[in-house]
Protein backbone atom coordinates (compact mmCIF):
# COMPACT_ATOMS: atom_id res chain seq x y z
CA MET A 1 23.63 4.72 -9.05
CA ASN A 2 21.43 2.30 -10.99
CA GLY A 3 21.35 -1.46 -11.24
CA ARG A 4 22.14 -4.23 -8.81
CA VAL A 5 24.87 -4.02 -6.23
CA ASP A 6 27.57 -6.52 -5.19
CA PHE A 7 26.80 -7.05 -1.49
CA ALA A 8 30.12 -8.66 -0.60
CA GLY A 9 31.55 -6.75 2.30
CA TRP A 10 28.21 -5.29 3.41
CA SER A 11 27.49 -5.87 7.10
CA LEU A 12 24.42 -6.11 9.29
CA ARG A 13 25.25 -5.04 12.80
CA PRO A 14 23.38 -3.89 15.89
CA ALA A 15 22.07 -0.38 15.34
CA GLU A 16 23.76 2.43 17.23
CA GLN A 17 22.43 5.75 18.49
CA ARG A 18 24.15 7.59 15.61
CA ASP A 19 22.05 5.58 13.13
CA ILE A 20 18.89 7.32 14.34
CA ASP A 21 20.08 10.67 13.01
CA GLU A 22 20.60 9.29 9.49
CA LEU A 23 17.41 7.23 9.60
CA MET A 24 15.37 10.31 10.49
CA ARG A 25 16.55 12.00 7.28
CA TRP A 26 14.98 9.20 5.21
CA PHE A 27 11.45 10.29 6.21
CA PRO A 28 10.93 13.92 5.19
CA ASP A 29 7.13 14.02 5.52
CA ARG A 30 4.15 12.56 7.36
CA GLU A 31 3.23 10.22 4.46
CA ALA A 32 6.70 8.69 4.27
CA VAL A 33 7.02 8.12 8.02
CA HIS A 34 3.51 6.66 8.30
CA GLU A 35 4.09 4.25 5.41
CA TRP A 36 7.18 3.04 7.24
CA GLY A 37 6.29 3.30 10.92
CA GLY A 38 2.50 3.21 10.85
CA PRO A 39 -0.15 5.80 11.66
CA VAL A 40 0.77 6.21 15.35
CA PHE A 41 4.35 7.25 14.48
CA ARG A 42 4.59 10.92 15.37
CA PHE A 43 5.36 13.59 12.79
CA PRO A 44 6.91 16.01 12.91
CA PHE A 45 9.24 14.06 15.12
CA THR A 46 12.16 14.93 17.35
CA ARG A 47 15.12 12.66 17.94
CA HIS A 48 13.51 11.70 21.27
CA SER A 49 10.05 10.93 19.84
CA PHE A 50 11.61 9.03 16.90
CA ALA A 51 13.59 6.83 19.29
CA GLU A 52 10.48 6.22 21.38
CA ASP A 53 8.37 5.34 18.34
CA ILE A 54 10.87 2.76 17.09
CA HIS A 55 11.02 1.28 20.59
CA TRP A 56 14.76 1.99 20.78
CA GLY A 57 16.41 -0.22 23.40
CA ARG A 58 13.36 -2.47 23.71
CA MET A 59 13.53 -4.18 20.33
CA ALA A 60 16.45 -5.80 18.47
CA SER A 61 17.49 -3.14 15.95
CA PHE A 62 19.98 -3.65 13.12
CA SER A 63 21.69 -1.47 10.56
CA LEU A 64 22.96 -2.55 7.16
CA TYR A 65 26.19 -0.85 6.15
CA GLU A 66 28.03 -0.60 2.88
CA PRO A 67 31.75 -1.49 2.96
CA ALA A 68 32.72 2.19 2.83
CA GLY A 69 30.45 2.88 5.78
CA PRO A 70 27.23 4.65 4.73
CA LEU A 71 24.05 3.42 6.40
CA ALA A 72 22.09 1.60 3.68
CA GLY A 73 19.26 -0.10 5.59
CA PHE A 74 17.57 -0.56 8.95
CA GLY A 75 15.26 -3.18 10.42
CA GLN A 76 14.03 -4.63 13.67
CA LEU A 77 13.19 -8.10 14.94
CA TYR A 78 10.87 -9.27 17.69
CA GLU A 79 8.57 -12.15 18.53
CA ARG A 80 4.95 -11.71 17.41
CA GLU A 81 2.27 -14.40 17.09
CA ALA A 82 4.96 -17.09 17.75
CA ARG A 83 6.90 -15.87 14.70
CA ILE A 84 10.11 -13.92 14.14
CA HIS A 85 8.65 -10.61 13.07
CA LEU A 86 10.54 -8.20 10.85
CA ALA A 87 9.55 -4.58 11.49
CA ARG A 88 10.35 -1.05 10.40
CA LEU A 89 12.34 -2.14 7.38
CA ALA A 90 13.87 0.80 5.57
CA VAL A 91 16.39 1.36 2.79
CA ALA A 92 18.33 4.58 2.20
CA PRO A 93 16.53 6.63 -0.48
CA ALA A 94 19.62 6.67 -2.73
CA ARG A 95 19.79 2.84 -2.56
CA ARG A 96 16.17 1.95 -3.33
CA GLY A 97 15.53 -0.19 -6.40
CA GLN A 98 19.00 -1.80 -6.29
CA GLY A 99 18.29 -4.98 -4.33
CA VAL A 100 19.30 -3.52 -0.98
CA GLY A 101 15.90 -4.33 0.54
CA LEU A 102 16.27 -8.00 -0.31
CA CYS A 103 19.80 -8.02 1.13
CA LEU A 104 18.46 -6.40 4.31
CA VAL A 105 15.60 -8.89 4.65
CA GLU A 106 17.85 -11.92 4.03
CA ARG A 107 20.41 -10.77 6.56
CA LEU A 108 17.74 -9.97 9.12
CA MET A 109 16.26 -13.43 8.67
CA ALA A 110 19.69 -15.00 9.22
CA ARG A 111 20.08 -12.93 12.38
CA GLY A 112 16.55 -13.80 13.49
CA LYS A 113 17.27 -17.53 13.17
CA SER A 114 20.11 -17.14 15.66
CA LEU A 115 18.05 -15.08 18.10
CA TYR A 116 14.75 -16.97 18.13
CA ASP A 117 13.74 -20.63 17.98
CA LEU A 118 10.49 -20.10 16.06
CA PRO A 119 9.14 -21.81 12.94
CA GLU A 120 8.23 -18.81 10.78
CA PHE A 121 9.03 -15.23 9.90
CA SER A 122 6.36 -12.55 9.50
CA LEU A 123 5.96 -8.92 8.51
CA PHE A 124 3.35 -6.34 7.56
CA VAL A 125 3.36 -4.20 4.42
CA PHE A 126 0.89 -1.57 3.22
CA CYS A 127 -1.17 -2.92 0.30
CA ASP A 128 -0.13 -0.05 -1.97
CA ASN A 129 3.62 -0.48 -1.33
CA THR A 130 4.12 -2.69 -4.37
CA GLN A 131 7.91 -2.29 -4.46
CA ALA A 132 8.26 -3.58 -0.89
CA LEU A 133 5.72 -6.36 -1.51
CA ARG A 134 7.76 -7.57 -4.52
CA CYS A 135 10.91 -7.55 -2.38
CA TYR A 136 9.30 -9.63 0.36
CA GLU A 137 7.86 -12.09 -2.14
CA ALA A 138 11.34 -12.46 -3.66
CA ALA A 139 12.53 -13.39 -0.14
CA GLY A 140 9.95 -16.18 -0.03
CA PHE A 141 7.17 -14.44 1.91
CA GLN A 142 3.54 -15.12 1.02
CA ILE A 143 0.36 -13.32 2.01
CA ALA A 144 -1.22 -15.05 5.00
CA ASP A 145 -4.35 -14.70 7.13
CA TYR A 146 -4.33 -11.36 8.91
CA PRO A 147 -3.94 -11.59 12.73
CA GLU A 148 -7.22 -10.79 14.45
CA ASP A 149 -5.69 -8.35 16.94
CA ALA A 150 -3.51 -6.47 14.43
CA PRO A 151 -4.43 -2.93 13.34
CA LEU A 152 -5.05 -1.76 9.76
CA PRO A 153 -6.45 -4.97 8.23
CA ASP A 154 -7.98 -2.99 5.36
CA PHE A 155 -4.69 -1.32 4.48
CA CYS A 156 -1.98 -3.92 5.04
CA PHE A 157 -1.01 -7.40 4.03
CA TYR A 158 0.42 -9.86 6.56
CA LEU A 159 3.13 -12.05 5.07
CA THR A 160 4.84 -15.14 6.44
CA ARG A 161 7.45 -17.67 5.39
CA PRO A 162 8.96 -20.70 7.07
CA VAL A 163 12.32 -20.57 8.77
CA GLU A 164 14.51 -22.98 6.87
CA GLY A 165 17.50 -24.52 8.55
CA ARG A 166 16.71 -22.83 11.81
CA VAL A 167 19.18 -23.03 14.64
CA THR A 168 17.63 -24.48 17.77
CA ARG A 169 18.59 -23.33 21.23
CA ALA A 170 20.01 -26.79 21.93
CA THR A 171 22.47 -26.58 19.04
CA THR A 172 23.54 -23.03 19.86
CA THR A 173 24.33 -23.89 23.47
CA THR A 174 26.09 -27.18 22.74
CA GLY A 175 28.01 -25.98 19.71
CA GLY A 176 26.47 -28.66 17.51
CA GLU A 177 25.56 -28.29 13.87
CA ASN A 178 22.43 -26.52 12.72
CA ASN A 179 19.31 -28.66 12.67
CA GLU A 180 17.36 -28.51 9.44
CA GLN A 181 13.69 -28.28 10.26
């Protein structure tokens, strides 16, 4: 399938154990899994080691589904450097180059705004992953100063973007409208 996709009806929902099996199929070799999960991600992996390496159960994990049900994307959110950090972003191989990555990032950011009261988003990308870098730039991310304690400064870019229209904890607990900040 080529070209852009109509994302109406697609859903981002909490990842389930069954998603791990499909996700593992997206990374057939050491190079693919290291580009996605970093150099400490074990390969070859087992279901157990894969779950451990994505911090299953310890990090907010989400799956993007097409209306008919196939898993199309995966990503995680956590707080890092006082930012909402997007991690381990992946798109199904058959869906790459169709705008699915941007859909995934935008929906993860929307979810992140509801989970965290932080002023910015962040993520890492390998310098040579130009397709992913273009996707993140299309979502409003810009290359920022690399965190001092982060690994791989010679191989990755650190990108950030402000959270626009973020929901504060006060508005989510009182039922008020979103505060634009």
